[in-house]
Amino acid sequence: DLPLGIYFGLWNFYCARGKLHRALELGHQRLALGESTGDDESRLVGLYTTAAADMFLGHLAQARSGFERLLASYPKDGLANPALAYDIGVLSQSLLADTLWLLGSAEDAIRVADETLPTARRFSPFTQSVALVNRMILATSMGDVATSRQRAQELIALSSEHSYQYWVVHWRISLALTGMSAASAEAEIDRALQEAAASIALMRSAYGSNLQCSRFLGWTVAAALDYGRLELARRLLDEALQITADEGERYWESELHRLQARLLQSEGAPDDQIASAFEAALDVARIQGAKTFEQRAADDLSRWRSR
């Protein structure tokens, strides 16, 4: 029953630190308070904070349900409480798009994500900036380089205008990894990979944020594998797996196991170790309903078996 602004700040603190089980617990408490007292504002904030924590924990069906419940009854003009740093309706729609993609509905994810941006502009510059970050991240995850770089440039312009310093590390990661190609010189590839890795390290140290770092590390590991930087791939993959073990951020866990299988292949590991990593990727994806990652792992496993 804390004042809503204090609750929201506390939830954001735990979420950003990657303490997602605690964030989920707080979300359930706020949702229960709103439902028991008839306080619709608390109910909506509880739905948002519960669904967001569920998504990052890999509880994808619960996350989708929570976001859709919120959006079904969310006021057109948002919540008037000035203690909320951003509009939770816009962010629910944005994170719903991410959830849909993980669940295997890529077309729906793109549609929902693109519909979010004009809505975000109506609310506040900071709400717009968070929506742009999420759209950039989704595009990078999907391998949509053009959209990722376009949204990154829009984010840079908006952040420069309003001094949103924190987003710098996010766009540096995305721009570094989407700027590489088969035509890149070896030195350019090394610089880009180091830029991405250094930005993640800065996020975790100077900003104290672990949120989504398993994803960002996973992107960088994939790029390092693509370009034969196995030592870097091993170091960053171990770091990413430690995040999932310690902090509970599980939504990228299947992808990390798939990347582990790829790395083991490149290192010449025994077949049983490689098969075990693939099976772990498939098991996690099936438990979470992450059809996108299940398909990636199944495709890689099929290629490996037919080698």
C-alpha atoms as a PDB file:
ATOM      1  CA  ASP A   1       0.000   0.000   0.000  1.00  0.00           C
ATOM      2  CA  LEU A   2       2.924   2.367  -0.633  1.00  0.00           C
ATOM      3  CA  PRO A   3       2.153   5.517  -2.610  1.00  0.00           C
ATOM      4  CA  LEU A   4       2.134   4.560  -6.273  1.00  0.00           C
ATOM      5  CA  GLY A   5       5.222   6.593  -7.165  1.00  0.00           C
ATOM      6  CA  ILE A   6       7.311   4.931  -4.452  1.00  0.00           C
ATOM      7  CA  TYR A   7       6.055   1.493  -5.498  1.00  0.00           C
ATOM      8  CA  PHE A   8       6.831   2.147  -9.167  1.00  0.00           C
ATOM      9  CA  GLY A   9      10.323   3.410  -8.347  1.00  0.00           C
ATOM     10  CA  LEU A  10      10.983   0.359  -6.177  1.00  0.00           C
ATOM     11  CA  TRP A  11       9.767  -2.023  -8.895  1.00  0.00           C
ATOM     12  CA  ASN A  12      11.903  -0.288 -11.540  1.00  0.00           C
ATOM     13  CA  PHE A  13      14.913  -0.519  -9.222  1.00  0.00           C
ATOM     14  CA  TYR A  14      14.596  -4.285  -8.783  1.00  0.00           C
ATOM     15  CA  CYS A  15      13.753  -4.826 -12.443  1.00  0.00           C
ATOM     16  CA  ALA A  16      16.722  -2.815 -13.731  1.00  0.00           C
ATOM     17  CA  ARG A  17      19.056  -4.618 -11.346  1.00  0.00           C
ATOM     18  CA  GLY A  18      17.818  -7.897 -12.770  1.00  0.00           C
ATOM     19  CA  LYS A  19      16.208  -8.958  -9.481  1.00  0.00           C
ATOM     20  CA  LEU A  20      13.217 -10.219 -11.388  1.00  0.00           C
ATOM     21  CA  HIS A  21      11.745 -12.619  -8.842  1.00  0.00           C
ATOM     22  CA  ARG A  22      11.514  -9.742  -6.377  1.00  0.00           C
ATOM     23  CA  ALA A  23      10.042  -7.495  -9.084  1.00  0.00           C
ATOM     24  CA  LEU A  24       7.426 -10.151  -9.890  1.00  0.00           C
ATOM     25  CA  GLU A  25       6.549 -10.493  -6.206  1.00  0.00           C
ATOM     26  CA  LEU A  26       6.006  -6.739  -5.951  1.00  0.00           C
ATOM     27  CA  GLY A  27       3.870  -6.811  -9.104  1.00  0.00           C
ATOM     28  CA  HIS A  28       1.598  -9.504  -7.668  1.00  0.00           C
ATOM     29  CA  GLN A  29       1.241  -7.512  -4.440  1.00  0.00           C
ATOM     30  CA  ARG A  30       0.211  -4.339  -6.306  1.00  0.00           C
ATOM     31  CA  LEU A  31      -2.206  -6.211  -8.540  1.00  0.00           C
ATOM     32  CA  ALA A  32      -3.836  -7.882  -5.530  1.00  0.00           C
ATOM     33  CA  LEU A  33      -4.135  -4.500  -3.797  1.00  0.00           C
ATOM     34  CA  GLY A  34      -5.808  -2.937  -6.819  1.00  0.00           C
ATOM     35  CA  GLU A  35      -8.257  -5.805  -7.229  1.00  0.00           C
ATOM     36  CA  SER A  36      -9.144  -6.009  -3.541  1.00  0.00           C
ATOM     37  CA  THR A  37      -9.684  -2.257  -3.075  1.00  0.00           C
ATOM     38  CA  GLY A  38     -11.170  -1.440  -6.481  1.00  0.00           C
ATOM     39  CA  ASP A  39      -8.290   0.970  -7.148  1.00  0.00           C
ATOM     40  CA  ASP A  40      -8.091   0.773 -10.929  1.00  0.00           C
ATOM     41  CA  GLU A  41      -4.816   2.684 -11.135  1.00  0.00           C
ATOM     42  CA  SER A  42      -3.099   0.199  -8.830  1.00  0.00           C
ATOM     43  CA  ARG A  43      -4.681  -2.697 -10.741  1.00  0.00           C
ATOM     44  CA  LEU A  44      -3.320  -1.439 -14.068  1.00  0.00           C
ATOM     45  CA  VAL A  45       0.139  -0.742 -12.679  1.00  0.00           C
ATOM     46  CA  GLY A  46       0.085  -4.173 -11.060  1.00  0.00           C
ATOM     47  CA  LEU A  47      -0.828  -5.777 -14.377  1.00  0.00           C
ATOM     48  CA  TYR A  48       2.001  -3.965 -16.157  1.00  0.00           C
ATOM     49  CA  THR A  49       4.689  -4.701 -13.583  1.00  0.00           C
ATOM     50  CA  THR A  50       3.649  -8.344 -13.254  1.00  0.00           C
ATOM     51  CA  ALA A  51       3.522  -8.926 -17.018  1.00  0.00           C
ATOM     52  CA  ALA A  52       6.854  -7.207 -17.658  1.00  0.00           C
ATOM     53  CA  ALA A  53       8.612  -9.262 -14.976  1.00  0.00           C
ATOM     54  CA  ASP A  54       6.957 -12.419 -16.327  1.00  0.00           C
ATOM     55  CA  MET A  55       8.270 -11.691 -19.821  1.00  0.00           C
ATOM     56  CA  PHE A  56      11.869 -11.302 -18.730  1.00  0.00           C
ATOM     57  CA  LEU A  57      11.568 -14.442 -16.604  1.00  0.00           C
ATOM     58  CA  GLY A  58      10.412 -16.394 -19.655  1.00  0.00           C
ATOM     59  CA  HIS A  59       6.803 -16.797 -18.474  1.00  0.00           C
ATOM     60  CA  LEU A  60       5.628 -15.842 -21.936  1.00  0.00           C
ATOM     61  CA  ALA A  61       2.004 -16.986 -21.837  1.00  0.00           C
ATOM     62  CA  GLN A  62       1.446 -15.186 -18.538  1.00  0.00           C
ATOM     63  CA  ALA A  63       3.139 -12.068 -19.880  1.00  0.00           C
ATOM     64  CA  ARG A  64       0.960 -12.012 -22.989  1.00  0.00           C
ATOM     65  CA  SER A  65      -2.175 -12.464 -20.902  1.00  0.00           C
ATOM     66  CA  GLY A  66      -1.186  -9.656 -18.521  1.00  0.00           C
ATOM     67  CA  PHE A  67      -0.366  -7.167 -21.265  1.00  0.00           C
ATOM     68  CA  GLU A  68      -3.574  -7.969 -23.148  1.00  0.00           C
ATOM     69  CA  ARG A  69      -5.695  -7.624 -19.993  1.00  0.00           C
ATOM     70  CA  LEU A  70      -4.173  -4.218 -19.306  1.00  0.00           C
ATOM     71  CA  LEU A  71      -4.608  -2.963 -22.865  1.00  0.00           C
ATOM     72  CA  ALA A  72      -8.228  -4.135 -22.963  1.00  0.00           C
ATOM     73  CA  SER A  73      -9.207  -1.675 -20.223  1.00  0.00           C
ATOM     74  CA  TYR A  74      -6.509   0.991 -20.429  1.00  0.00           C
ATOM     75  CA  PRO A  75      -7.746   4.627 -20.628  1.00  0.00           C
ATOM     76  CA  LYS A  76      -7.207   6.227 -24.028  1.00  0.00           C
ATOM     77  CA  ASP A  77      -5.439   9.198 -22.466  1.00  0.00           C
ATOM     78  CA  GLY A  78      -3.355   7.080 -20.099  1.00  0.00           C
ATOM     79  CA  LEU A  79      -2.997   7.467 -16.344  1.00  0.00           C
ATOM     80  CA  ALA A  80      -2.807  10.964 -14.916  1.00  0.00           C
ATOM     81  CA  ASN A  81      -0.434  10.113 -12.067  1.00  0.00           C
ATOM     82  CA  PRO A  82       2.731  12.207 -12.602  1.00  0.00           C
ATOM     83  CA  ALA A  83       4.770   9.764 -10.515  1.00  0.00           C
ATOM     84  CA  LEU A  84       4.853   7.325 -13.456  1.00  0.00           C
ATOM     85  CA  ALA A  85       7.950   8.068 -15.516  1.00  0.00           C
ATOM     86  CA  TYR A  86       6.412   6.721 -18.729  1.00  0.00           C
ATOM     87  CA  ASP A  87       3.044   5.594 -20.018  1.00  0.00           C
ATOM     88  CA  ILE A  88       2.547   1.961 -19.044  1.00  0.00           C
ATOM     89  CA  GLY A  89      -0.046   1.391 -21.775  1.00  0.00           C
ATOM     90  CA  VAL A  90       2.480   2.256 -24.478  1.00  0.00           C
ATOM     91  CA  LEU A  91       5.131   0.108 -22.834  1.00  0.00           C
ATOM     92  CA  SER A  92       2.702  -2.791 -22.435  1.00  0.00           C
ATOM     93  CA  GLN A  93       2.017  -2.676 -26.159  1.00  0.00           C
ATOM     94  CA  SER A  94       5.736  -2.461 -26.896  1.00  0.00           C
ATOM     95  CA  LEU A  95       6.636  -5.416 -24.689  1.00  0.00           C
ATOM     96  CA  LEU A  96       3.633  -7.367 -25.990  1.00  0.00           C
ATOM     97  CA  ALA A  97       5.211  -7.126 -29.450  1.00  0.00           C
ATOM     98  CA  ASP A  98       8.429  -8.602 -28.089  1.00  0.00           C
ATOM     99  CA  THR A  99       6.483 -11.366 -26.351  1.00  0.00           C
ATOM    100  CA  LEU A 100       4.561 -12.215 -29.529  1.00  0.00           C
ATOM    101  CA  TRP A 101       7.815 -12.546 -31.458  1.00  0.00           C
ATOM    102  CA  LEU A 102       9.258 -14.888 -28.840  1.00  0.00           C
ATOM    103  CA  LEU A 103       6.040 -16.932 -29.013  1.00  0.00           C
ATOM    104  CA  GLY A 104       6.535 -17.313 -32.768  1.00  0.00           C
ATOM    105  CA  SER A 105       4.095 -14.707 -34.121  1.00  0.00           C
ATOM    106  CA  ALA A 106       6.550 -12.539 -36.045  1.00  0.00           C
ATOM    107  CA  GLU A 107       4.019 -10.748 -38.255  1.00  0.00           C
ATOM    108  CA  ASP A 108       1.807  -9.820 -35.317  1.00  0.00           C
ATOM    109  CA  ALA A 109       4.869  -8.676 -33.391  1.00  0.00           C
ATOM    110  CA  ILE A 110       5.941  -6.290 -36.158  1.00  0.00           C
ATOM    111  CA  ARG A 111       2.435  -4.900 -36.535  1.00  0.00           C
ATOM    112  CA  VAL A 112       1.992  -4.275 -32.809  1.00  0.00           C
ATOM    113  CA  ALA A 113       5.492  -2.800 -32.467  1.00  0.00           C
ATOM    114  CA  ASP A 114       4.984  -0.388 -35.357  1.00  0.00           C
ATOM    115  CA  GLU A 115       1.576   0.676 -34.037  1.00  0.00           C
ATOM    116  CA  THR A 116       3.204   1.547 -30.711  1.00  0.00           C
ATOM    117  CA  LEU A 117       5.434   4.359 -32.004  1.00  0.00           C
ATOM    118  CA  PRO A 118       2.805   6.905 -33.091  1.00  0.00           C
ATOM    119  CA  THR A 119       0.917   6.254 -29.855  1.00  0.00           C
ATOM    120  CA  ALA A 120       4.094   6.866 -27.839  1.00  0.00           C
ATOM    121  CA  ARG A 121       4.610  10.278 -29.474  1.00  0.00           C
ATOM    122  CA  ARG A 122       1.283  11.462 -28.030  1.00  0.00           C
ATOM    123  CA  PHE A 123       2.372  10.979 -24.443  1.00  0.00           C
ATOM    124  CA  SER A 124       5.860  12.212 -23.642  1.00  0.00           C
ATOM    125  CA  PRO A 125       9.365  12.304 -25.108  1.00  0.00           C
ATOM    126  CA  PHE A 126      10.585   9.807 -22.518  1.00  0.00           C
ATOM    127  CA  THR A 127       7.759   7.382 -23.317  1.00  0.00           C
ATOM    128  CA  GLN A 128       8.666   7.764 -26.983  1.00  0.00           C
ATOM    129  CA  SER A 129      12.323   7.067 -26.202  1.00  0.00           C
ATOM    130  CA  VAL A 130      11.538   3.818 -24.391  1.00  0.00           C
ATOM    131  CA  ALA A 131       9.295   2.705 -27.262  1.00  0.00           C
ATOM    132  CA  LEU A 132      12.101   3.461 -29.734  1.00  0.00           C
ATOM    133  CA  VAL A 133      14.570   1.459 -27.652  1.00  0.00           C
ATOM    134  CA  ASN A 134      12.219  -1.516 -27.606  1.00  0.00           C
ATOM    135  CA  ARG A 135      11.550  -1.266 -31.357  1.00  0.00           C
ATOM    136  CA  MET A 136      15.274  -1.097 -32.072  1.00  0.00           C
ATOM    137  CA  ILE A 137      15.908  -4.105 -29.830  1.00  0.00           C
ATOM    138  CA  LEU A 138      13.167  -6.160 -31.467  1.00  0.00           C
ATOM    139  CA  ALA A 139      14.448  -5.339 -34.963  1.00  0.00           C
ATOM    140  CA  THR A 140      18.013  -6.246 -33.982  1.00  0.00           C
ATOM    141  CA  SER A 141      16.796  -9.547 -32.524  1.00  0.00           C
ATOM    142  CA  MET A 142      14.927 -10.326 -35.752  1.00  0.00           C
ATOM    143  CA  GLY A 143      17.906  -9.482 -37.947  1.00  0.00           C
ATOM    144  CA  ASP A 144      16.082  -6.502 -39.477  1.00  0.00           C
ATOM    145  CA  VAL A 145      19.138  -4.293 -39.876  1.00  0.00           C
ATOM    146  CA  ALA A 146      17.433  -1.440 -41.739  1.00  0.00           C
ATOM    147  CA  THR A 147      14.690  -0.948 -39.121  1.00  0.00           C
ATOM    148  CA  SER A 148      17.118  -1.346 -36.237  1.00  0.00           C
ATOM    149  CA  ARG A 149      19.447   1.336 -37.563  1.00  0.00           C
ATOM    150  CA  GLN A 150      16.596   3.675 -38.482  1.00  0.00           C
ATOM    151  CA  ARG A 151      15.106   3.503 -34.987  1.00  0.00           C
ATOM    152  CA  ALA A 152      18.574   3.906 -33.474  1.00  0.00           C
ATOM    153  CA  GLN A 153      19.058   7.168 -35.367  1.00  0.00           C
ATOM    154  CA  GLU A 154      15.662   8.435 -34.211  1.00  0.00           C
ATOM    155  CA  LEU A 155      16.569   7.476 -30.643  1.00  0.00           C
ATOM    156  CA  ILE A 156      19.899   9.298 -30.874  1.00  0.00           C
ATOM    157  CA  ALA A 157      18.187  12.485 -32.056  1.00  0.00           C
ATOM    158  CA  LEU A 158      15.497  12.349 -29.363  1.00  0.00           C
ATOM    159  CA  SER A 159      17.966  11.465 -26.608  1.00  0.00           C
ATOM    160  CA  SER A 160      20.330  14.255 -27.646  1.00  0.00           C
ATOM    161  CA  GLU A 161      17.466  16.746 -27.491  1.00  0.00           C
ATOM    162  CA  HIS A 162      16.323  15.637 -24.027  1.00  0.00           C
ATOM    163  CA  SER A 163      19.642  14.410 -22.516  1.00  0.00           C
ATOM    164  CA  TYR A 164      18.577  10.774 -22.134  1.00  0.00           C
ATOM    165  CA  GLN A 165      22.134   9.613 -21.470  1.00  0.00           C
ATOM    166  CA  TYR A 166      21.245   6.062 -20.432  1.00  0.00           C
ATOM    167  CA  TRP A 167      20.130   5.027 -23.919  1.00  0.00           C
ATOM    168  CA  VAL A 168      23.623   5.638 -25.350  1.00  0.00           C
ATOM    169  CA  VAL A 169      24.805   2.160 -24.346  1.00  0.00           C
ATOM    170  CA  HIS A 170      21.763   0.579 -25.979  1.00  0.00           C
ATOM    171  CA  TRP A 171      22.186   2.153 -29.378  1.00  0.00           C
ATOM    172  CA  ARG A 172      25.959   1.597 -29.317  1.00  0.00           C
ATOM    173  CA  ILE A 173      25.395  -2.132 -28.946  1.00  0.00           C
ATOM    174  CA  SER A 174      22.845  -2.268 -31.733  1.00  0.00           C
ATOM    175  CA  LEU A 175      24.722  -0.032 -34.168  1.00  0.00           C
ATOM    176  CA  ALA A 176      27.987  -1.877 -33.592  1.00  0.00           C
ATOM    177  CA  LEU A 177      26.505  -5.304 -34.270  1.00  0.00           C
ATOM    178  CA  THR A 178      24.316  -4.304 -37.213  1.00  0.00           C
ATOM    179  CA  GLY A 179      27.195  -2.388 -38.826  1.00  0.00           C
ATOM    180  CA  MET A 180      29.229  -5.519 -39.579  1.00  0.00           C
ATOM    181  CA  SER A 181      29.025  -7.464 -42.818  1.00  0.00           C
ATOM    182  CA  ALA A 182      31.006  -9.967 -44.874  1.00  0.00           C
ATOM    183  CA  ALA A 183      32.697  -6.991 -46.529  1.00  0.00           C
ATOM    184  CA  SER A 184      33.988  -5.575 -43.220  1.00  0.00           C
ATOM    185  CA  ALA A 185      37.716  -5.585 -42.613  1.00  0.00           C
ATOM    186  CA  GLU A 186      39.042  -7.750 -39.792  1.00  0.00           C
ATOM    187  CA  ALA A 187      39.979  -4.676 -37.738  1.00  0.00           C
ATOM    188  CA  GLU A 188      36.470  -3.238 -38.204  1.00  0.00           C
ATOM    189  CA  ILE A 189      34.913  -6.473 -36.962  1.00  0.00           C
ATOM    190  CA  ASP A 190      37.150  -6.492 -33.901  1.00  0.00           C
ATOM    191  CA  ARG A 191      36.305  -2.857 -33.126  1.00  0.00           C
ATOM    192  CA  ALA A 192      32.575  -3.479 -33.478  1.00  0.00           C
ATOM    193  CA  LEU A 193      32.626  -6.539 -31.226  1.00  0.00           C
ATOM    194  CA  GLN A 194      34.671  -4.738 -28.606  1.00  0.00           C
ATOM    195  CA  GLU A 195      32.321  -1.730 -28.780  1.00  0.00           C
ATOM    196  CA  ALA A 196      29.324  -3.979 -28.113  1.00  0.00           C
ATOM    197  CA  ALA A 197      31.063  -5.868 -25.289  1.00  0.00           C
ATOM    198  CA  ALA A 198      32.330  -2.652 -23.669  1.00  0.00           C
ATOM    199  CA  SER A 199      28.863  -1.072 -23.824  1.00  0.00           C
ATOM    200  CA  ILE A 200      27.330  -4.070 -22.052  1.00  0.00           C
ATOM    201  CA  ALA A 201      30.038  -3.924 -19.413  1.00  0.00           C
ATOM    202  CA  LEU A 202      29.353  -0.204 -18.931  1.00  0.00           C
ATOM    203  CA  MET A 203      25.638  -0.889 -18.556  1.00  0.00           C
ATOM    204  CA  ARG A 204      26.289  -3.501 -15.881  1.00  0.00           C
ATOM    205  CA  SER A 205      28.920  -1.527 -13.972  1.00  0.00           C
ATOM    206  CA  ALA A 206      28.401   2.239 -14.250  1.00  0.00           C
ATOM    207  CA  TYR A 207      24.606   2.014 -14.539  1.00  0.00           C
ATOM    208  CA  GLY A 208      24.192  -1.066 -12.372  1.00  0.00           C
ATOM    209  CA  SER A 209      21.671  -2.576 -14.783  1.00  0.00           C
ATOM    210  CA  ASN A 210      21.490  -6.251 -15.720  1.00  0.00           C
ATOM    211  CA  LEU A 211      18.105  -6.044 -17.428  1.00  0.00           C
ATOM    212  CA  GLN A 212      18.196  -7.557 -20.928  1.00  0.00           C
ATOM    213  CA  CYS A 213      21.947  -8.110 -20.680  1.00  0.00           C
ATOM    214  CA  SER A 214      21.541 -11.843 -21.351  1.00  0.00           C
ATOM    215  CA  ARG A 215      19.972 -10.778 -24.663  1.00  0.00           C
ATOM    216  CA  PHE A 216      22.642  -8.212 -25.522  1.00  0.00           C
ATOM    217  CA  LEU A 217      25.397 -10.662 -24.637  1.00  0.00           C
ATOM    218  CA  GLY A 218      23.640 -13.291 -26.740  1.00  0.00           C
ATOM    219  CA  TRP A 219      23.642 -10.952 -29.753  1.00  0.00           C
ATOM    220  CA  THR A 220      27.356 -10.324 -29.308  1.00  0.00           C
ATOM    221  CA  VAL A 221      28.162 -14.013 -28.862  1.00  0.00           C
ATOM    222  CA  ALA A 222      26.290 -14.807 -32.093  1.00  0.00           C
ATOM    223  CA  ALA A 223      28.257 -12.153 -33.978  1.00  0.00           C
ATOM    224  CA  ALA A 224      31.554 -13.351 -32.475  1.00  0.00           C
ATOM    225  CA  LEU A 225      30.760 -16.894 -33.631  1.00  0.00           C
ATOM    226  CA  ASP A 226      29.812 -15.686 -37.107  1.00  0.00           C
ATOM    227  CA  TYR A 227      33.208 -14.026 -37.456  1.00  0.00           C
ATOM    228  CA  GLY A 228      35.306 -16.692 -35.763  1.00  0.00           C
ATOM    229  CA  ARG A 229      36.123 -14.866 -32.512  1.00  0.00           C
ATOM    230  CA  LEU A 230      35.781 -17.930 -30.342  1.00  0.00           C
ATOM    231  CA  GLU A 231      37.649 -16.690 -27.277  1.00  0.00           C
ATOM    232  CA  LEU A 232      35.415 -13.626 -27.039  1.00  0.00           C
ATOM    233  CA  ALA A 233      32.331 -15.761 -27.681  1.00  0.00           C
ATOM    234  CA  ARG A 234      33.259 -18.123 -24.818  1.00  0.00           C
ATOM    235  CA  ARG A 235      33.898 -15.303 -22.350  1.00  0.00           C
ATOM    236  CA  LEU A 236      30.649 -13.479 -23.127  1.00  0.00           C
ATOM    237  CA  LEU A 237      28.571 -16.657 -23.223  1.00  0.00           C
ATOM    238  CA  ASP A 238      29.803 -17.667 -19.771  1.00  0.00           C
ATOM    239  CA  GLU A 239      28.839 -14.184 -18.539  1.00  0.00           C
ATOM    240  CA  ALA A 240      25.366 -14.448 -20.079  1.00  0.00           C
ATOM    241  CA  LEU A 241      24.711 -17.872 -18.589  1.00  0.00           C
ATOM    242  CA  GLN A 242      25.780 -16.565 -15.187  1.00  0.00           C
ATOM    243  CA  ILE A 243      23.133 -13.833 -15.451  1.00  0.00           C
ATOM    244  CA  THR A 244      20.413 -16.414 -16.044  1.00  0.00           C
ATOM    245  CA  ALA A 245      21.670 -18.492 -13.131  1.00  0.00           C
ATOM    246  CA  ASP A 246      22.025 -15.666 -10.616  1.00  0.00           C
ATOM    247  CA  GLU A 247      19.366 -13.122 -11.476  1.00  0.00           C
ATOM    248  CA  GLY A 248      16.612 -15.169 -13.014  1.00  0.00           C
ATOM    249  CA  GLU A 249      16.419 -13.448 -16.424  1.00  0.00           C
ATOM    250  CA  ARG A 250      15.373 -16.502 -18.409  1.00  0.00           C
ATOM    251  CA  TYR A 251      13.654 -15.267 -21.574  1.00  0.00           C
ATOM    252  CA  TRP A 252      16.909 -15.597 -23.605  1.00  0.00           C
ATOM    253  CA  GLU A 253      18.025 -18.855 -21.978  1.00  0.00           C
ATOM    254  CA  SER A 254      17.104 -21.145 -24.875  1.00  0.00           C
ATOM    255  CA  GLU A 255      19.033 -18.985 -27.316  1.00  0.00           C
ATOM    256  CA  LEU A 256      22.097 -19.060 -25.054  1.00  0.00           C
ATOM    257  CA  HIS A 257      22.073 -22.873 -25.026  1.00  0.00           C
ATOM    258  CA  ARG A 258      21.796 -22.904 -28.832  1.00  0.00           C
ATOM    259  CA  LEU A 259      24.781 -20.564 -29.055  1.00  0.00           C
ATOM    260  CA  GLN A 260      26.619 -22.829 -26.623  1.00  0.00           C
ATOM    261  CA  ALA A 261      26.048 -25.745 -29.012  1.00  0.00           C
ATOM    262  CA  ARG A 262      27.422 -23.672 -31.902  1.00  0.00           C
ATOM    263  CA  LEU A 263      30.458 -22.671 -29.869  1.00  0.00           C
ATOM    264  CA  LEU A 264      31.130 -26.262 -28.804  1.00  0.00           C
ATOM    265  CA  GLN A 265      31.048 -27.305 -32.454  1.00  0.00           C
ATOM    266  CA  SER A 266      33.578 -24.613 -33.332  1.00  0.00           C
ATOM    267  CA  GLU A 267      35.791 -25.696 -30.425  1.00  0.00           C
ATOM    268  CA  GLY A 268      35.724 -29.332 -31.559  1.00  0.00           C
ATOM    269  CA  ALA A 269      33.929 -30.603 -28.461  1.00  0.00           C
ATOM    270  CA  PRO A 270      32.613 -34.199 -28.252  1.00  0.00           C
ATOM    271  CA  ASP A 271      29.270 -34.875 -29.919  1.00  0.00           C
ATOM    272  CA  ASP A 272      27.531 -35.703 -26.643  1.00  0.00           C
ATOM    273  CA  GLN A 273      28.300 -32.225 -25.265  1.00  0.00           C
ATOM    274  CA  ILE A 274      26.984 -30.560 -28.405  1.00  0.00           C
ATOM    275  CA  ALA A 275      23.830 -32.683 -28.399  1.00  0.00           C
ATOM    276  CA  SER A 276      23.254 -31.893 -24.728  1.00  0.00           C
ATOM    277  CA  ALA A 277      23.412 -28.143 -25.415  1.00  0.00           C
ATOM    278  CA  PHE A 278      20.938 -28.454 -28.268  1.00  0.00           C
ATOM    279  CA  GLU A 279      18.576 -30.506 -26.105  1.00  0.00           C
ATOM    280  CA  ALA A 280      18.772 -27.901 -23.358  1.00  0.00           C
ATOM    281  CA  ALA A 281      17.880 -25.196 -25.883  1.00  0.00           C
ATOM    282  CA  LEU A 282      14.883 -27.169 -27.117  1.00  0.00           C
ATOM    283  CA  ASP A 283      13.712 -28.108 -23.613  1.00  0.00           C
ATOM    284  CA  VAL A 284      13.753 -24.504 -22.376  1.00  0.00           C
ATOM    285  CA  ALA A 285      12.050 -23.221 -25.528  1.00  0.00           C
ATOM    286  CA  ARG A 286       9.263 -25.796 -25.262  1.00  0.00           C
ATOM    287  CA  ILE A 287       8.672 -25.113 -21.567  1.00  0.00           C
ATOM    288  CA  GLN A 288       8.472 -21.361 -22.239  1.00  0.00           C
ATOM    289  CA  GLY A 289       6.506 -21.678 -25.482  1.00  0.00           C
ATOM    290  CA  ALA A 290       9.296 -19.722 -27.228  1.00  0.00           C
ATOM    291  CA  LYS A 291       8.609 -21.074 -30.704  1.00  0.00           C
ATOM    292  CA  THR A 292      11.053 -18.668 -32.331  1.00  0.00           C
ATOM    293  CA  PHE A 293      13.940 -20.093 -30.342  1.00  0.00           C
ATOM    294  CA  GLU A 294      12.643 -23.655 -30.642  1.00  0.00           C
ATOM    295  CA  GLN A 295      12.725 -23.335 -34.433  1.00  0.00           C
ATOM    296  CA  ARG A 296      16.234 -21.841 -34.404  1.00  0.00           C
ATOM    297  CA  ALA A 297      17.534 -24.662 -32.228  1.00  0.00           C
ATOM    298  CA  ALA A 298      15.753 -27.338 -34.275  1.00  0.00           C
ATOM    299  CA  ASP A 299      17.174 -25.948 -37.522  1.00  0.00           C
ATOM    300  CA  ASP A 300      20.711 -25.832 -36.147  1.00  0.00           C
ATOM    301  CA  LEU A 301      20.381 -29.329 -34.703  1.00  0.00           C
ATOM    302  CA  SER A 302      19.172 -30.666 -38.050  1.00  0.00           C
ATOM    303  CA  ARG A 303      22.114 -29.086 -39.880  1.00  0.00           C
ATOM    304  CA  TRP A 304      24.551 -30.499 -37.340  1.00  0.00           C
ATOM    305  CA  ARG A 305      23.124 -34.025 -37.588  1.00  0.00           C
ATOM    306  CA  SER A 306      23.258 -33.972 -41.399  1.00  0.00           C
ATOM    307  CA  ARG A 307      26.846 -32.671 -41.566  1.00  0.00           C
END
